[in-house]
Amino acid sequence: MREVAEALKALPRIFLDLVLPRLPSLGARLRDGGRVLDVGCGGGWAVVQIAERFPKISCVGIDVEPYSVDLARRLIDERGLADRCEARLQSVDRLGRTRATTWPPASWWCTRSPRP
């Protein structure tokens, strides 16, 4: 499982370096301190890389796989981002019962894990 999480760490960089420059309003919002929800956060690479690139944002990653959430939490701690980032063991079905639904939809970056 750790190998899969490690293999996926390049995906957020592809988004940040190739896709985000084509979305200037989203980039501006992140620079100004938006909030990011990563659905299916896996090992937490997107949460961490986005938070490192945009120091004013806060990030929450959710996943239903306990080992992945544990990896994400460790990565967040290792990078010193626990004040702005968190990983939760949570299904997307439960978003309606959390404060995440108060976030403006334009600030969400939702990812979907590839099927095995």
PDB file of N, CA and C in Angstrom:
ATOM      1  N   MET A   1       0.826  -1.196   0.000  1.00  0.00           N
ATOM      2  CA  MET A   1       0.000   0.000   0.000  1.00  0.00           C
ATOM      3  C   MET A   1       0.869   1.258   0.000  1.00  0.00           C
ATOM      4  N   ARG A   2       1.952   1.256   0.755  1.00  0.00           N
ATOM      5  CA  ARG A   2       2.844   2.414   0.800  1.00  0.00           C
ATOM      6  C   ARG A   2       3.405   2.693  -0.591  1.00  0.00           C
ATOM      7  N   GLU A   3       3.706   1.638  -1.342  1.00  0.00           N
ATOM      8  CA  GLU A   3       4.259   1.805  -2.684  1.00  0.00           C
ATOM      9  C   GLU A   3       3.273   2.517  -3.608  1.00  0.00           C
ATOM     10  N   VAL A   4       2.007   2.182  -3.468  1.00  0.00           N
ATOM     11  CA  VAL A   4       0.975   2.851  -4.276  1.00  0.00           C
ATOM     12  C   VAL A   4       0.910   4.329  -3.910  1.00  0.00           C
ATOM     13  N   ALA A   5       0.912   4.623  -2.626  1.00  0.00           N
ATOM     14  CA  ALA A   5       0.862   6.023  -2.172  1.00  0.00           C
ATOM     15  C   ALA A   5       2.071   6.793  -2.693  1.00  0.00           C
ATOM     16  N   GLU A   6       3.236   6.192  -2.643  1.00  0.00           N
ATOM     17  CA  GLU A   6       4.455   6.850  -3.139  1.00  0.00           C
ATOM     18  C   GLU A   6       4.381   7.081  -4.646  1.00  0.00           C
ATOM     19  N   ALA A   7       3.829   6.107  -5.363  1.00  0.00           N
ATOM     20  CA  ALA A   7       3.740   6.222  -6.818  1.00  0.00           C
ATOM     21  C   ALA A   7       2.809   7.352  -7.254  1.00  0.00           C
ATOM     22  N   LEU A   8       1.852   7.684  -6.420  1.00  0.00           N
ATOM     23  CA  LEU A   8       0.868   8.717  -6.774  1.00  0.00           C
ATOM     24  C   LEU A   8       1.315  10.127  -6.430  1.00  0.00           C
ATOM     25  N   LYS A   9       2.484  10.295  -5.850  1.00  0.00           N
ATOM     26  CA  LYS A   9       2.875  11.630  -5.405  1.00  0.00           C
ATOM     27  C   LYS A   9       3.157  12.597  -6.544  1.00  0.00           C
ATOM     28  N   ALA A  10       3.350  12.109  -7.760  1.00  0.00           N
ATOM     29  CA  ALA A  10       3.575  13.008  -8.897  1.00  0.00           C
ATOM     30  C   ALA A  10       2.279  13.620  -9.426  1.00  0.00           C
ATOM     31  N   LEU A  11       1.146  12.996  -9.164  1.00  0.00           N
ATOM     32  CA  LEU A  11      -0.117  13.501  -9.716  1.00  0.00           C
ATOM     33  C   LEU A  11      -0.455  14.923  -9.281  1.00  0.00           C
ATOM     34  N   PRO A  12      -0.311  15.263  -8.003  1.00  0.00           N
ATOM     35  CA  PRO A  12      -0.614  16.651  -7.628  1.00  0.00           C
ATOM     36  C   PRO A  12       0.309  17.658  -8.307  1.00  0.00           C
ATOM     37  N   ARG A  13       1.550  17.287  -8.515  1.00  0.00           N
ATOM     38  CA  ARG A  13       2.484  18.190  -9.181  1.00  0.00           C
ATOM     39  C   ARG A  13       2.046  18.442 -10.626  1.00  0.00           C
ATOM     40  N   ILE A  14       1.497  17.422 -11.282  1.00  0.00           N
ATOM     41  CA  ILE A  14       0.975  17.600 -12.640  1.00  0.00           C
ATOM     42  C   ILE A  14      -0.152  18.621 -12.620  1.00  0.00           C
ATOM     43  N   PHE A  15      -1.044  18.507 -11.643  1.00  0.00           N
ATOM     44  CA  PHE A  15      -2.131  19.479 -11.524  1.00  0.00           C
ATOM     45  C   PHE A  15      -1.579  20.877 -11.269  1.00  0.00           C
ATOM     46  N   LEU A  16      -0.671  20.992 -10.315  1.00  0.00           N
ATOM     47  CA  LEU A  16      -0.139  22.301  -9.929  1.00  0.00           C
ATOM     48  C   LEU A  16       0.664  22.950 -11.047  1.00  0.00           C
ATOM     49  N   ASP A  17       1.443  22.173 -11.779  1.00  0.00           N
ATOM     50  CA  ASP A  17       2.332  22.744 -12.797  1.00  0.00           C
ATOM     51  C   ASP A  17       1.701  22.868 -14.181  1.00  0.00           C
ATOM     52  N   LEU A  18       0.760  21.989 -14.517  1.00  0.00           N
ATOM     53  CA  LEU A  18       0.220  21.992 -15.873  1.00  0.00           C
ATOM     54  C   LEU A  18      -1.234  22.445 -15.978  1.00  0.00           C
ATOM     55  N   VAL A  19      -2.043  22.113 -15.008  1.00  0.00           N
ATOM     56  CA  VAL A  19      -3.468  22.439 -15.083  1.00  0.00           C
ATOM     57  C   VAL A  19      -3.770  23.784 -14.420  1.00  0.00           C
ATOM     58  N   LEU A  20      -3.285  23.980 -13.214  1.00  0.00           N
ATOM     59  CA  LEU A  20      -3.608  25.191 -12.462  1.00  0.00           C
ATOM     60  C   LEU A  20      -3.241  26.490 -13.195  1.00  0.00           C
ATOM     61  N   PRO A  21      -2.123  26.563 -13.912  1.00  0.00           N
ATOM     62  CA  PRO A  21      -1.832  27.799 -14.648  1.00  0.00           C
ATOM     63  C   PRO A  21      -2.911  28.162 -15.679  1.00  0.00           C
ATOM     64  N   ARG A  22      -3.701  27.185 -16.093  1.00  0.00           N
ATOM     65  CA  ARG A  22      -4.786  27.451 -17.049  1.00  0.00           C
ATOM     66  C   ARG A  22      -6.087  27.857 -16.360  1.00  0.00           C
ATOM     67  N   LEU A  23      -6.047  27.888 -15.022  1.00  0.00           N
ATOM     68  CA  LEU A  23      -7.212  28.270 -14.221  1.00  0.00           C
ATOM     69  C   LEU A  23      -6.826  29.447 -13.317  1.00  0.00           C
ATOM     70  N   PRO A  24      -6.614  30.619 -13.898  1.00  0.00           N
ATOM     71  CA  PRO A  24      -6.082  31.743 -13.120  1.00  0.00           C
ATOM     72  C   PRO A  24      -6.964  32.165 -11.945  1.00  0.00           C
ATOM     73  N   SER A  25      -8.271  32.057 -12.070  1.00  0.00           N
ATOM     74  CA  SER A  25      -9.119  32.478 -10.946  1.00  0.00           C
ATOM     75  C   SER A  25      -8.982  31.507  -9.774  1.00  0.00           C
ATOM     76  N   LEU A  26      -8.829  30.233 -10.045  1.00  0.00           N
ATOM     77  CA  LEU A  26      -8.609  29.274  -8.960  1.00  0.00           C
ATOM     78  C   LEU A  26      -7.237  29.498  -8.329  1.00  0.00           C
ATOM     79  N   GLY A  27      -6.225  29.732  -9.149  1.00  0.00           N
ATOM     80  CA  GLY A  27      -4.890  30.028  -8.618  1.00  0.00           C
ATOM     81  C   GLY A  27      -4.908  31.254  -7.726  1.00  0.00           C
ATOM     82  N   ALA A  28      -5.614  32.283  -8.139  1.00  0.00           N
ATOM     83  CA  ALA A  28      -5.712  33.510  -7.335  1.00  0.00           C
ATOM     84  C   ALA A  28      -6.414  33.232  -6.013  1.00  0.00           C
ATOM     85  N   ARG A  29      -7.444  32.449  -6.075  1.00  0.00           N
ATOM     86  CA  ARG A  29      -8.181  32.129  -4.851  1.00  0.00           C
ATOM     87  C   ARG A  29      -7.297  31.361  -3.871  1.00  0.00           C
ATOM     88  N   LEU A  30      -6.499  30.429  -4.384  1.00  0.00           N
ATOM     89  CA  LEU A  30      -5.587  29.677  -3.523  1.00  0.00           C
ATOM     90  C   LEU A  30      -4.492  30.578  -2.954  1.00  0.00           C
ATOM     91  N   ARG A  31      -3.978  31.478  -3.758  1.00  0.00           N
ATOM     92  CA  ARG A  31      -2.950  32.412  -3.269  1.00  0.00           C
ATOM     93  C   ARG A  31      -3.503  33.313  -2.175  1.00  0.00           C
ATOM     94  N   ASP A  32      -4.794  33.634  -2.265  1.00  0.00           N
ATOM     95  CA  ASP A  32      -5.420  34.513  -1.284  1.00  0.00           C
ATOM     96  C   ASP A  32      -5.854  33.801  -0.006  1.00  0.00           C
ATOM     97  N   GLY A  33      -5.752  32.479   0.024  1.00  0.00           N
ATOM     98  CA  GLY A  33      -6.080  31.755   1.244  1.00  0.00           C
ATOM     99  C   GLY A  33      -7.348  30.939   1.188  1.00  0.00           C
ATOM    100  N   GLY A  34      -7.605  30.296   0.090  1.00  0.00           N
ATOM    101  CA  GLY A  34      -8.776  29.434  -0.022  1.00  0.00           C
ATOM    102  C   GLY A  34      -8.649  28.178   0.814  1.00  0.00           C
ATOM    103  N   ARG A  35      -9.676  27.363   0.732  1.00  0.00           N
ATOM    104  CA  ARG A  35      -9.686  26.078   1.431  1.00  0.00           C
ATOM    105  C   ARG A  35      -9.843  24.975   0.399  1.00  0.00           C
ATOM    106  N   VAL A  36      -9.178  23.849   0.645  1.00  0.00           N
ATOM    107  CA  VAL A  36      -9.170  22.741  -0.306  1.00  0.00           C
ATOM    108  C   VAL A  36      -9.677  21.488   0.378  1.00  0.00           C
ATOM    109  N   LEU A  37     -10.562  20.786  -0.296  1.00  0.00           N
ATOM    110  CA  LEU A  37     -11.024  19.481   0.140  1.00  0.00           C
ATOM    111  C   LEU A  37     -10.561  18.468  -0.897  1.00  0.00           C
ATOM    112  N   ASP A  38      -9.760  17.512  -0.471  1.00  0.00           N
ATOM    113  CA  ASP A  38      -9.270  16.460  -1.357  1.00  0.00           C
ATOM    114  C   ASP A  38     -10.014  15.177  -1.023  1.00  0.00           C
ATOM    115  N   VAL A  39     -10.947  14.804  -1.896  1.00  0.00           N
ATOM    116  CA  VAL A  39     -11.743  13.598  -1.703  1.00  0.00           C
ATOM    117  C   VAL A  39     -10.988  12.422  -2.299  1.00  0.00           C
ATOM    118  N   GLY A  40     -10.712  11.425  -1.456  1.00  0.00           N
ATOM    119  CA  GLY A  40      -9.889  10.293  -1.890  1.00  0.00           C
ATOM    120  C   GLY A  40      -8.426  10.662  -1.794  1.00  0.00           C
ATOM    121  N   CYS A  41      -8.026  11.213  -0.653  1.00  0.00           N
ATOM    122  CA  CYS A  41      -6.699  11.814  -0.501  1.00  0.00           C
ATOM    123  C   CYS A  41      -5.553  10.806  -0.493  1.00  0.00           C
ATOM    124  N   GLY A  42      -5.851   9.531  -0.330  1.00  0.00           N
ATOM    125  CA  GLY A  42      -4.780   8.542  -0.325  1.00  0.00           C
ATOM    126  C   GLY A  42      -3.723   8.877   0.708  1.00  0.00           C
ATOM    127  N   GLY A  43      -2.451   8.828   0.294  1.00  0.00           N
ATOM    128  CA  GLY A  43      -1.338   9.091   1.192  1.00  0.00           C
ATOM    129  C   GLY A  43      -1.092  10.551   1.507  1.00  0.00           C
ATOM    130  N   GLY A  44      -1.924  11.460   1.021  1.00  0.00           N
ATOM    131  CA  GLY A  44      -1.853  12.866   1.393  1.00  0.00           C
ATOM    132  C   GLY A  44      -0.957  13.746   0.550  1.00  0.00           C
ATOM    133  N   TRP A  45      -0.457  13.241  -0.566  1.00  0.00           N
ATOM    134  CA  TRP A  45       0.479  14.039  -1.362  1.00  0.00           C
ATOM    135  C   TRP A  45      -0.145  15.308  -1.917  1.00  0.00           C
ATOM    136  N   ALA A  46      -1.397  15.252  -2.354  1.00  0.00           N
ATOM    137  CA  ALA A  46      -2.033  16.463  -2.888  1.00  0.00           C
ATOM    138  C   ALA A  46      -2.212  17.498  -1.786  1.00  0.00           C
ATOM    139  N   VAL A  47      -2.702  17.062  -0.640  1.00  0.00           N
ATOM    140  CA  VAL A  47      -2.906  17.973   0.488  1.00  0.00           C
ATOM    141  C   VAL A  47      -1.601  18.694   0.822  1.00  0.00           C
ATOM    142  N   VAL A  48      -0.525  17.931   0.943  1.00  0.00           N
ATOM    143  CA  VAL A  48       0.769  18.494   1.334  1.00  0.00           C
ATOM    144  C   VAL A  48       1.344  19.389   0.242  1.00  0.00           C
ATOM    145  N   GLN A  49       1.319  18.939  -0.987  1.00  0.00           N
ATOM    146  CA  GLN A  49       1.924  19.739  -2.054  1.00  0.00           C
ATOM    147  C   GLN A  49       1.157  21.028  -2.308  1.00  0.00           C
ATOM    148  N   ILE A  50      -0.148  20.985  -2.216  1.00  0.00           N
ATOM    149  CA  ILE A  50      -0.930  22.209  -2.393  1.00  0.00           C
ATOM    150  C   ILE A  50      -0.663  23.172  -1.235  1.00  0.00           C
ATOM    151  N   ALA A  51      -0.638  22.645  -0.019  1.00  0.00           N
ATOM    152  CA  ALA A  51      -0.376  23.503   1.151  1.00  0.00           C
ATOM    153  C   ALA A  51       1.025  24.104   1.092  1.00  0.00           C
ATOM    154  N   GLU A  52       1.989  23.354   0.627  1.00  0.00           N
ATOM    155  CA  GLU A  52       3.349  23.893   0.506  1.00  0.00           C
ATOM    156  C   GLU A  52       3.439  24.962  -0.580  1.00  0.00           C
ATOM    157  N   ARG A  53       2.711  24.800  -1.645  1.00  0.00           N
ATOM    158  CA  ARG A  53       2.738  25.778  -2.737  1.00  0.00           C
ATOM    159  C   ARG A  53       1.984  27.048  -2.373  1.00  0.00           C
ATOM    160  N   PHE A  54       0.919  26.903  -1.574  1.00  0.00           N
ATOM    161  CA  PHE A  54       0.064  28.044  -1.217  1.00  0.00           C
ATOM    162  C   PHE A  54       0.004  28.174   0.301  1.00  0.00           C
ATOM    163  N   PRO A  55       0.890  28.958   0.889  1.00  0.00           N
ATOM    164  CA  PRO A  55       1.010  29.019   2.350  1.00  0.00           C
ATOM    165  C   PRO A  55      -0.184  29.609   3.095  1.00  0.00           C
ATOM    166  N   LYS A  56      -1.128  30.224   2.404  1.00  0.00           N
ATOM    167  CA  LYS A  56      -2.278  30.815   3.089  1.00  0.00           C
ATOM    168  C   LYS A  56      -3.498  29.898   3.131  1.00  0.00           C
ATOM    169  N   ILE A  57      -3.445  28.750   2.479  1.00  0.00           N
ATOM    170  CA  ILE A  57      -4.629  27.895   2.429  1.00  0.00           C
ATOM    171  C   ILE A  57      -4.649  26.882   3.562  1.00  0.00           C
ATOM    172  N   SER A  58      -5.816  26.307   3.767  1.00  0.00           N
ATOM    173  CA  SER A  58      -5.958  25.152   4.653  1.00  0.00           C
ATOM    174  C   SER A  58      -6.514  24.006   3.813  1.00  0.00           C
ATOM    175  N   CYS A  59      -6.138  22.790   4.180  1.00  0.00           N
ATOM    176  CA  CYS A  59      -6.529  21.608   3.402  1.00  0.00           C
ATOM    177  C   CYS A  59      -7.083  20.521   4.303  1.00  0.00           C
ATOM    178  N   VAL A  60      -8.106  19.858   3.815  1.00  0.00           N
ATOM    179  CA  VAL A  60      -8.624  18.664   4.454  1.00  0.00           C
ATOM    180  C   VAL A  60      -8.653  17.574   3.397  1.00  0.00           C
ATOM    181  N   GLY A  61      -8.081  16.431   3.733  1.00  0.00           N
ATOM    182  CA  GLY A  61      -8.161  15.268   2.870  1.00  0.00           C
ATOM    183  C   GLY A  61      -9.013  14.215   3.541  1.00  0.00           C
ATOM    184  N   ILE A  62      -9.896  13.592   2.770  1.00  0.00           N
ATOM    185  CA  ILE A  62     -10.702  12.503   3.316  1.00  0.00           C
ATOM    186  C   ILE A  62     -10.480  11.253   2.477  1.00  0.00           C
ATOM    187  N   ASP A  63     -10.559  10.118   3.135  1.00  0.00           N
ATOM    188  CA  ASP A  63     -10.428   8.835   2.457  1.00  0.00           C
ATOM    189  C   ASP A  63     -11.108   7.779   3.316  1.00  0.00           C
ATOM    190  N   VAL A  64     -11.519   6.689   2.693  1.00  0.00           N
ATOM    191  CA  VAL A  64     -12.178   5.612   3.429  1.00  0.00           C
ATOM    192  C   VAL A  64     -11.213   4.494   3.795  1.00  0.00           C
ATOM    193  N   GLU A  65      -9.978   4.603   3.377  1.00  0.00           N
ATOM    194  CA  GLU A  65      -8.992   3.556   3.623  1.00  0.00           C
ATOM    195  C   GLU A  65      -8.112   3.954   4.805  1.00  0.00           C
ATOM    196  N   PRO A  66      -8.220   3.259   5.948  1.00  0.00           N
ATOM    197  CA  PRO A  66      -7.510   3.666   7.165  1.00  0.00           C
ATOM    198  C   PRO A  66      -5.990   3.781   7.007  1.00  0.00           C
ATOM    199  N   TYR A  67      -5.370   2.857   6.300  1.00  0.00           N
ATOM    200  CA  TYR A  67      -3.915   2.920   6.155  1.00  0.00           C
ATOM    201  C   TYR A  67      -3.498   4.168   5.376  1.00  0.00           C
ATOM    202  N   SER A  68      -4.249   4.505   4.342  1.00  0.00           N
ATOM    203  CA  SER A  68      -3.949   5.706   3.564  1.00  0.00           C
ATOM    204  C   SER A  68      -4.068   6.961   4.418  1.00  0.00           C
ATOM    205  N   VAL A  69      -5.108   7.031   5.221  1.00  0.00           N
ATOM    206  CA  VAL A  69      -5.291   8.198   6.093  1.00  0.00           C
ATOM    207  C   VAL A  69      -4.141   8.288   7.091  1.00  0.00           C
ATOM    208  N   ASP A  70      -3.704   7.148   7.614  1.00  0.00           N
ATOM    209  CA  ASP A  70      -2.560   7.140   8.519  1.00  0.00           C
ATOM    210  C   ASP A  70      -1.302   7.660   7.815  1.00  0.00           C
ATOM    211  N   LEU A  71      -1.069   7.216   6.583  1.00  0.00           N
ATOM    212  CA  LEU A  71       0.082   7.715   5.813  1.00  0.00           C
ATOM    213  C   LEU A  71      -0.031   9.223   5.602  1.00  0.00           C
ATOM    214  N   ALA A  72      -1.229   9.691   5.265  1.00  0.00           N
ATOM    215  CA  ALA A  72      -1.438  11.122   5.039  1.00  0.00           C
ATOM    216  C   ALA A  72      -1.173  11.922   6.310  1.00  0.00           C
ATOM    217  N   ARG A  73      -1.647  11.425   7.436  1.00  0.00           N
ATOM    218  CA  ARG A  73      -1.417  12.128   8.701  1.00  0.00           C
ATOM    219  C   ARG A  73       0.069  12.204   9.038  1.00  0.00           C
ATOM    220  N   ARG A  74       0.780  11.117   8.800  1.00  0.00           N
ATOM    221  CA  ARG A  74       2.217  11.119   9.061  1.00  0.00           C
ATOM    222  C   ARG A  74       2.941  12.095   8.137  1.00  0.00           C
ATOM    223  N   LEU A  75       2.545  12.125   6.868  1.00  0.00           N
ATOM    224  CA  LEU A  75       3.175  13.043   5.920  1.00  0.00           C
ATOM    225  C   LEU A  75       2.915  14.496   6.316  1.00  0.00           C
ATOM    226  N   ILE A  76       1.703  14.789   6.708  1.00  0.00           N
ATOM    227  CA  ILE A  76       1.355  16.143   7.156  1.00  0.00           C
ATOM    228  C   ILE A  76       2.221  16.536   8.351  1.00  0.00           C
ATOM    229  N   ASP A  77       2.361  15.639   9.298  1.00  0.00           N
ATOM    230  CA  ASP A  77       3.198  15.915  10.477  1.00  0.00           C
ATOM    231  C   ASP A  77       4.666  16.084  10.097  1.00  0.00           C
ATOM    232  N   GLU A  78       5.169  15.192   9.236  1.00  0.00           N
ATOM    233  CA  GLU A  78       6.577  15.270   8.811  1.00  0.00           C
ATOM    234  C   GLU A  78       6.894  16.595   8.132  1.00  0.00           C
ATOM    235  N   ARG A  79       5.944  17.134   7.400  1.00  0.00           N
ATOM    236  CA  ARG A  79       6.153  18.389   6.681  1.00  0.00           C
ATOM    237  C   ARG A  79       5.812  19.612   7.523  1.00  0.00           C
ATOM    238  N   GLY A  80       5.391  19.403   8.765  1.00  0.00           N
ATOM    239  CA  GLY A  80       5.080  20.525   9.651  1.00  0.00           C
ATOM    240  C   GLY A  80       3.848  21.310   9.245  1.00  0.00           C
ATOM    241  N   LEU A  81       2.850  20.633   8.717  1.00  0.00           N
ATOM    242  CA  LEU A  81       1.664  21.308   8.199  1.00  0.00           C
ATOM    243  C   LEU A  81       0.396  21.051   9.013  1.00  0.00           C
ATOM    244  N   ALA A  82       0.543  20.474  10.189  1.00  0.00           N
ATOM    245  CA  ALA A  82      -0.625  20.101  10.982  1.00  0.00           C
ATOM    246  C   ALA A  82      -1.486  21.303  11.383  1.00  0.00           C
ATOM    247  N   ASP A  83      -0.922  22.497  11.367  1.00  0.00           N
ATOM    248  CA  ASP A  83      -1.714  23.688  11.702  1.00  0.00           C
ATOM    249  C   ASP A  83      -2.656  24.095  10.577  1.00  0.00           C
ATOM    250  N   ARG A  84      -2.402  23.609   9.354  1.00  0.00           N
ATOM    251  CA  ARG A  84      -3.239  23.986   8.206  1.00  0.00           C
ATOM    252  C   ARG A  84      -3.839  22.812   7.461  1.00  0.00           C
ATOM    253  N   CYS A  85      -3.410  21.597   7.778  1.00  0.00           N
ATOM    254  CA  CYS A  85      -3.856  20.422   7.035  1.00  0.00           C
ATOM    255  C   CYS A  85      -4.299  19.314   7.976  1.00  0.00           C
ATOM    256  N   GLU A  86      -5.248  18.530   7.502  1.00  0.00           N
ATOM    257  CA  GLU A  86      -5.647  17.346   8.252  1.00  0.00           C
ATOM    258  C   GLU A  86      -6.123  16.270   7.289  1.00  0.00           C
ATOM    259  N   ALA A  87      -6.032  15.034   7.742  1.00  0.00           N
ATOM    260  CA  ALA A  87      -6.542  13.893   6.988  1.00  0.00           C
ATOM    261  C   ALA A  87      -7.565  13.193   7.866  1.00  0.00           C
ATOM    262  N   ARG A  88      -8.709  12.903   7.283  1.00  0.00           N
ATOM    263  CA  ARG A  88      -9.804  12.300   8.029  1.00  0.00           C
ATOM    264  C   ARG A  88     -10.198  10.965   7.413  1.00  0.00           C
ATOM    265  N   LEU A  89     -10.512  10.009   8.269  1.00  0.00           N
ATOM    266  CA  LEU A  89     -11.099   8.755   7.834  1.00  0.00           C
ATOM    267  C   LEU A  89     -12.590   9.020   7.686  1.00  0.00           C
ATOM    268  N   GLN A  90     -12.992   9.277   6.452  1.00  0.00           N
ATOM    269  CA  GLN A  90     -14.370   9.729   6.229  1.00  0.00           C
ATOM    270  C   GLN A  90     -14.770   9.446   4.787  1.00  0.00           C
ATOM    271  N   SER A  91     -16.003   9.067   4.617  1.00  0.00           N
ATOM    272  CA  SER A  91     -16.563   8.851   3.288  1.00  0.00           C
ATOM    273  C   SER A  91     -17.134  10.165   2.756  1.00  0.00           C
ATOM    274  N   VAL A  92     -17.122  10.303   1.465  1.00  0.00           N
ATOM    275  CA  VAL A  92     -17.717  11.483   0.840  1.00  0.00           C
ATOM    276  C   VAL A  92     -19.212  11.559   1.153  1.00  0.00           C
ATOM    277  N   ASP A  93     -19.827  10.418   1.423  1.00  0.00           N
ATOM    278  CA  ASP A  93     -21.248  10.397   1.764  1.00  0.00           C
ATOM    279  C   ASP A  93     -21.549  11.167   3.050  1.00  0.00           C
ATOM    280  N   ARG A  94     -20.540  11.328   3.907  1.00  0.00           N
ATOM    281  CA  ARG A  94     -20.737  12.008   5.184  1.00  0.00           C
ATOM    282  C   ARG A  94     -20.434  13.508   5.111  1.00  0.00           C
ATOM    283  N   LEU A  95     -20.119  14.035   3.970  1.00  0.00           N
ATOM    284  CA  LEU A  95     -19.799  15.460   3.878  1.00  0.00           C
ATOM    285  C   LEU A  95     -20.964  16.341   4.289  1.00  0.00           C
ATOM    286  N   GLY A  96     -22.167  15.897   4.070  1.00  0.00           N
ATOM    287  CA  GLY A  96     -23.334  16.681   4.448  1.00  0.00           C
ATOM    288  C   GLY A  96     -23.464  16.873   5.945  1.00  0.00           C
ATOM    289  N   ARG A  97     -22.704  16.111   6.729  1.00  0.00           N
ATOM    290  CA  ARG A  97     -22.781  16.191   8.186  1.00  0.00           C
ATOM    291  C   ARG A  97     -21.573  16.878   8.793  1.00  0.00           C
ATOM    292  N   THR A  98     -20.769  17.558   7.986  1.00  0.00           N
ATOM    293  CA  THR A  98     -19.572  18.230   8.497  1.00  0.00           C
ATOM    294  C   THR A  98     -19.566  19.675   8.053  1.00  0.00           C
ATOM    295  N   ARG A  99     -18.625  20.420   8.582  1.00  0.00           N
ATOM    296  CA  ARG A  99     -18.500  21.827   8.199  1.00  0.00           C
ATOM    297  C   ARG A  99     -17.988  21.997   6.779  1.00  0.00           C
ATOM    298  N   ALA A 100     -17.555  20.924   6.133  1.00  0.00           N
ATOM    299  CA  ALA A 100     -17.023  21.024   4.774  1.00  0.00           C
ATOM    300  C   ALA A 100     -18.061  21.579   3.811  1.00  0.00           C
ATOM    301  N   THR A 101     -19.339  21.352   4.079  1.00  0.00           N
ATOM    302  CA  THR A 101     -20.369  21.823   3.157  1.00  0.00           C
ATOM    303  C   THR A 101     -20.500  23.340   3.171  1.00  0.00           C
ATOM    304  N   THR A 102     -19.884  24.016   4.119  1.00  0.00           N
ATOM    305  CA  THR A 102     -19.948  25.474   4.141  1.00  0.00           C
ATOM    306  C   THR A 102     -18.875  26.087   3.252  1.00  0.00           C
ATOM    307  N   TRP A 103     -17.994  25.276   2.711  1.00  0.00           N
ATOM    308  CA  TRP A 103     -16.912  25.793   1.874  1.00  0.00           C
ATOM    309  C   TRP A 103     -17.449  26.107   0.489  1.00  0.00           C
ATOM    310  N   PRO A 104     -17.021  27.212  -0.097  1.00  0.00           N
ATOM    311  CA  PRO A 104     -17.484  27.530  -1.456  1.00  0.00           C
ATOM    312  C   PRO A 104     -17.026  26.451  -2.433  1.00  0.00           C
ATOM    313  N   PRO A 105     -17.927  25.943  -3.270  1.00  0.00           N
ATOM    314  CA  PRO A 105     -17.553  24.870  -4.198  1.00  0.00           C
ATOM    315  C   PRO A 105     -16.361  25.215  -5.085  1.00  0.00           C
ATOM    316  N   ALA A 106     -16.177  26.481  -5.429  1.00  0.00           N
ATOM    317  CA  ALA A 106     -15.060  26.853  -6.301  1.00  0.00           C
ATOM    318  C   ALA A 106     -13.703  26.623  -5.651  1.00  0.00           C
ATOM    319  N   SER A 107     -13.683  26.460  -4.335  1.00  0.00           N
ATOM    320  CA  SER A 107     -12.397  26.266  -3.665  1.00  0.00           C
ATOM    321  C   SER A 107     -12.062  24.791  -3.477  1.00  0.00           C
ATOM    322  N   TRP A 108     -12.917  23.905  -3.898  1.00  0.00           N
ATOM    323  CA  TRP A 108     -12.674  22.476  -3.716  1.00  0.00           C
ATOM    324  C   TRP A 108     -11.833  21.942  -4.858  1.00  0.00           C
ATOM    325  N   TRP A 109     -10.893  21.113  -4.499  1.00  0.00           N
ATOM    326  CA  TRP A 109     -10.211  20.320  -5.514  1.00  0.00           C
ATOM    327  C   TRP A 109     -10.470  18.886  -5.123  1.00  0.00           C
ATOM    328  N   CYS A 110     -11.344  18.237  -5.827  1.00  0.00           N
ATOM    329  CA  CYS A 110     -11.694  16.866  -5.504  1.00  0.00           C
ATOM    330  C   CYS A 110     -10.972  15.928  -6.454  1.00  0.00           C
ATOM    331  N   THR A 111     -10.326  14.955  -5.896  1.00  0.00           N
ATOM    332  CA  THR A 111      -9.645  13.960  -6.718  1.00  0.00           C
ATOM    333  C   THR A 111     -10.329  12.627  -6.536  1.00  0.00           C
ATOM    334  N   ARG A 112     -10.079  11.766  -7.458  1.00  0.00           N
ATOM    335  CA  ARG A 112     -10.670  10.449  -7.391  1.00  0.00           C
ATOM    336  C   ARG A 112      -9.549   9.430  -7.563  1.00  0.00           C
ATOM    337  N   SER A 113      -9.463   8.523  -6.631  1.00  0.00           N
ATOM    338  CA  SER A 113      -8.425   7.514  -6.702  1.00  0.00           C
ATOM    339  C   SER A 113      -8.682   6.580  -7.874  1.00  0.00           C
ATOM    340  N   PRO A 114      -7.610   6.179  -8.563  1.00  0.00           N
ATOM    341  CA  PRO A 114      -7.809   5.229  -9.661  1.00  0.00           C
ATOM    342  C   PRO A 114      -8.237   3.883  -9.114  1.00  0.00           C
ATOM    343  N   ARG A 115      -9.003   3.175  -9.893  1.00  0.00           N
ATOM    344  CA  ARG A 115      -9.425   1.840  -9.484  1.00  0.00           C
ATOM    345  C   ARG A 115      -8.281   0.870  -9.623  1.00  0.00           C
ATOM    346  N   PRO A 116      -8.172  -0.071  -8.669  1.00  0.00           N
ATOM    347  CA  PRO A 116      -7.075  -1.051  -8.751  1.00  0.00           C
ATOM    348  C   PRO A 116      -7.252  -1.995  -9.935  1.00  0.00           C
TER     349      PRO A 116
END
